[in-house]
């Protein structure tokens, strides 16, 4: 088993430790906001346990996936909604 998996964040490759959540991978990449609110304010992970829904991103083409509840795997494509 490899210790790292390779994902893409907004088209840029990133290697993260196995079993890293998408929200953590975004933080490692330096992404401070994953989407914009209806009035245009930047939003990002807040609670880290799937309650607030602020960490929503697009994963493998599927919108509104909770980044804090999704584990990275090889080839995963993550798109922020900025």
C-alpha atoms as a PDB file:
ATOM      1  CA  UNK A   1       0.000   0.000   0.000  1.00  0.00           C
ATOM      2  CA  UNK A   2       1.333   3.437  -0.937  1.00  0.00           C
ATOM      3  CA  UNK A   3       1.602   6.062   1.741  1.00  0.00           C
ATOM      4  CA  UNK A   4       0.448   8.783  -0.680  1.00  0.00           C
ATOM      5  CA  UNK A   5      -2.335   9.158  -3.236  1.00  0.00           C
ATOM      6  CA  UNK A   6      -2.416  11.543  -6.180  1.00  0.00           C
ATOM      7  CA  UNK A   7      -5.396  13.877  -6.671  1.00  0.00           C
ATOM      8  CA  UNK A   8      -6.029  16.993  -8.735  1.00  0.00           C
ATOM      9  CA  UNK A   9      -7.264  20.239  -7.214  1.00  0.00           C
ATOM     10  CA  UNK A  10      -8.678  22.652  -9.781  1.00  0.00           C
ATOM     11  CA  UNK A  11      -6.589  20.875 -12.417  1.00  0.00           C
ATOM     12  CA  UNK A  12      -3.321  20.958 -10.450  1.00  0.00           C
ATOM     13  CA  UNK A  13      -1.778  17.688  -9.215  1.00  0.00           C
ATOM     14  CA  UNK A  14      -1.323  17.133  -5.500  1.00  0.00           C
ATOM     15  CA  UNK A  15       0.071  14.160  -3.559  1.00  0.00           C
ATOM     16  CA  UNK A  16      -1.498  13.694  -0.135  1.00  0.00           C
ATOM     17  CA  UNK A  17      -1.130  11.027   2.543  1.00  0.00           C
ATOM     18  CA  UNK A  18      -3.510   8.092   2.167  1.00  0.00           C
ATOM     19  CA  UNK A  19      -6.795   8.508   4.082  1.00  0.00           C
ATOM     20  CA  UNK A  20      -6.636  12.315   3.892  1.00  0.00           C
ATOM     21  CA  UNK A  21     -10.016  14.033   3.589  1.00  0.00           C
ATOM     22  CA  UNK A  22     -10.709  16.304   0.650  1.00  0.00           C
ATOM     23  CA  UNK A  23     -11.047  19.269   3.047  1.00  0.00           C
ATOM     24  CA  UNK A  24      -7.603  18.523   4.503  1.00  0.00           C
ATOM     25  CA  UNK A  25      -6.118  18.158   1.002  1.00  0.00           C
ATOM     26  CA  UNK A  26      -7.509  21.571   0.093  1.00  0.00           C
ATOM     27  CA  UNK A  27      -5.956  23.060   3.225  1.00  0.00           C
ATOM     28  CA  UNK A  28      -2.619  21.431   2.326  1.00  0.00           C
ATOM     29  CA  UNK A  29      -2.905  23.028  -1.128  1.00  0.00           C
ATOM     30  CA  UNK A  30      -3.489  26.427   0.451  1.00  0.00           C
ATOM     31  CA  UNK A  31      -7.074  26.763  -0.722  1.00  0.00           C
ATOM     32  CA  UNK A  32      -8.729  29.108   1.758  1.00  0.00           C
ATOM     33  CA  UNK A  33     -12.201  29.167   0.161  1.00  0.00           C
ATOM     34  CA  UNK A  34     -13.978  26.320  -1.609  1.00  0.00           C
ATOM     35  CA  UNK A  35     -17.042  28.164  -2.846  1.00  0.00           C
ATOM     36  CA  UNK A  36     -18.906  31.477  -2.762  1.00  0.00           C
ATOM     37  CA  UNK A  37     -22.117  32.238  -0.918  1.00  0.00           C
ATOM     38  CA  UNK A  38     -25.184  33.539  -2.754  1.00  0.00           C
ATOM     39  CA  UNK A  39     -23.966  37.082  -2.097  1.00  0.00           C
ATOM     40  CA  UNK A  40     -20.418  36.299  -3.237  1.00  0.00           C
ATOM     41  CA  UNK A  41     -18.623  35.861   0.081  1.00  0.00           C
ATOM     42  CA  UNK A  42     -15.903  33.182   0.233  1.00  0.00           C
ATOM     43  CA  UNK A  43     -16.860  30.044   2.176  1.00  0.00           C
ATOM     44  CA  UNK A  44     -14.708  27.170   3.479  1.00  0.00           C
ATOM     45  CA  UNK A  45     -14.747  24.200   5.841  1.00  0.00           C
ATOM     46  CA  UNK A  46     -15.895  25.162   9.313  1.00  0.00           C
ATOM     47  CA  UNK A  47     -17.042  22.254  11.498  1.00  0.00           C
ATOM     48  CA  UNK A  48     -15.029  19.402   9.975  1.00  0.00           C
ATOM     49  CA  UNK A  49     -17.736  16.829  10.695  1.00  0.00           C
ATOM     50  CA  UNK A  50     -20.356  17.290   7.968  1.00  0.00           C
ATOM     51  CA  UNK A  51     -22.852  19.432   9.854  1.00  0.00           C
ATOM     52  CA  UNK A  52     -22.268  22.922   8.424  1.00  0.00           C
ATOM     53  CA  UNK A  53     -21.963  21.967   4.702  1.00  0.00           C
ATOM     54  CA  UNK A  54     -19.519  24.844   4.155  1.00  0.00           C
ATOM     55  CA  UNK A  55     -16.881  22.502   2.664  1.00  0.00           C
ATOM     56  CA  UNK A  56     -18.947  21.556  -0.414  1.00  0.00           C
ATOM     57  CA  UNK A  57     -16.882  20.957  -3.556  1.00  0.00           C
ATOM     58  CA  UNK A  58     -17.225  19.136  -6.857  1.00  0.00           C
ATOM     59  CA  UNK A  59     -15.610  15.669  -6.743  1.00  0.00           C
ATOM     60  CA  UNK A  60     -15.243  13.653  -9.946  1.00  0.00           C
ATOM     61  CA  UNK A  61     -17.891  15.850 -11.569  1.00  0.00           C
ATOM     62  CA  UNK A  62     -20.421  15.485  -8.747  1.00  0.00           C
ATOM     63  CA  UNK A  63     -21.396  18.819  -7.164  1.00  0.00           C
ATOM     64  CA  UNK A  64     -22.010  19.577  -3.488  1.00  0.00           C
ATOM     65  CA  UNK A  65     -19.859  16.773  -2.058  1.00  0.00           C
ATOM     66  CA  UNK A  66     -18.847  17.340   1.560  1.00  0.00           C
ATOM     67  CA  UNK A  67     -15.061  17.666   1.534  1.00  0.00           C
ATOM     68  CA  UNK A  68     -14.704  16.881   5.228  1.00  0.00           C
ATOM     69  CA  UNK A  69     -16.494  13.539   4.802  1.00  0.00           C
ATOM     70  CA  UNK A  70     -14.794  12.375   1.590  1.00  0.00           C
ATOM     71  CA  UNK A  71     -11.468  10.525   1.565  1.00  0.00           C
ATOM     72  CA  UNK A  72      -8.936  11.134  -1.181  1.00  0.00           C
ATOM     73  CA  UNK A  73      -8.054   8.260  -3.492  1.00  0.00           C
ATOM     74  CA  UNK A  74      -5.748   7.965  -6.490  1.00  0.00           C
ATOM     75  CA  UNK A  75      -7.045   9.918  -9.468  1.00  0.00           C
ATOM     76  CA  UNK A  76      -9.694  11.882  -7.559  1.00  0.00           C
ATOM     77  CA  UNK A  77     -10.595  15.184  -9.221  1.00  0.00           C
ATOM     78  CA  UNK A  78     -11.532  18.031  -6.862  1.00  0.00           C
ATOM     79  CA  UNK A  79     -12.975  21.303  -8.117  1.00  0.00           C
ATOM     80  CA  UNK A  80     -13.646  24.228  -5.872  1.00  0.00           C
ATOM     81  CA  UNK A  81     -16.691  26.340  -6.688  1.00  0.00           C
ATOM     82  CA  UNK A  82     -15.012  29.726  -6.526  1.00  0.00           C
END
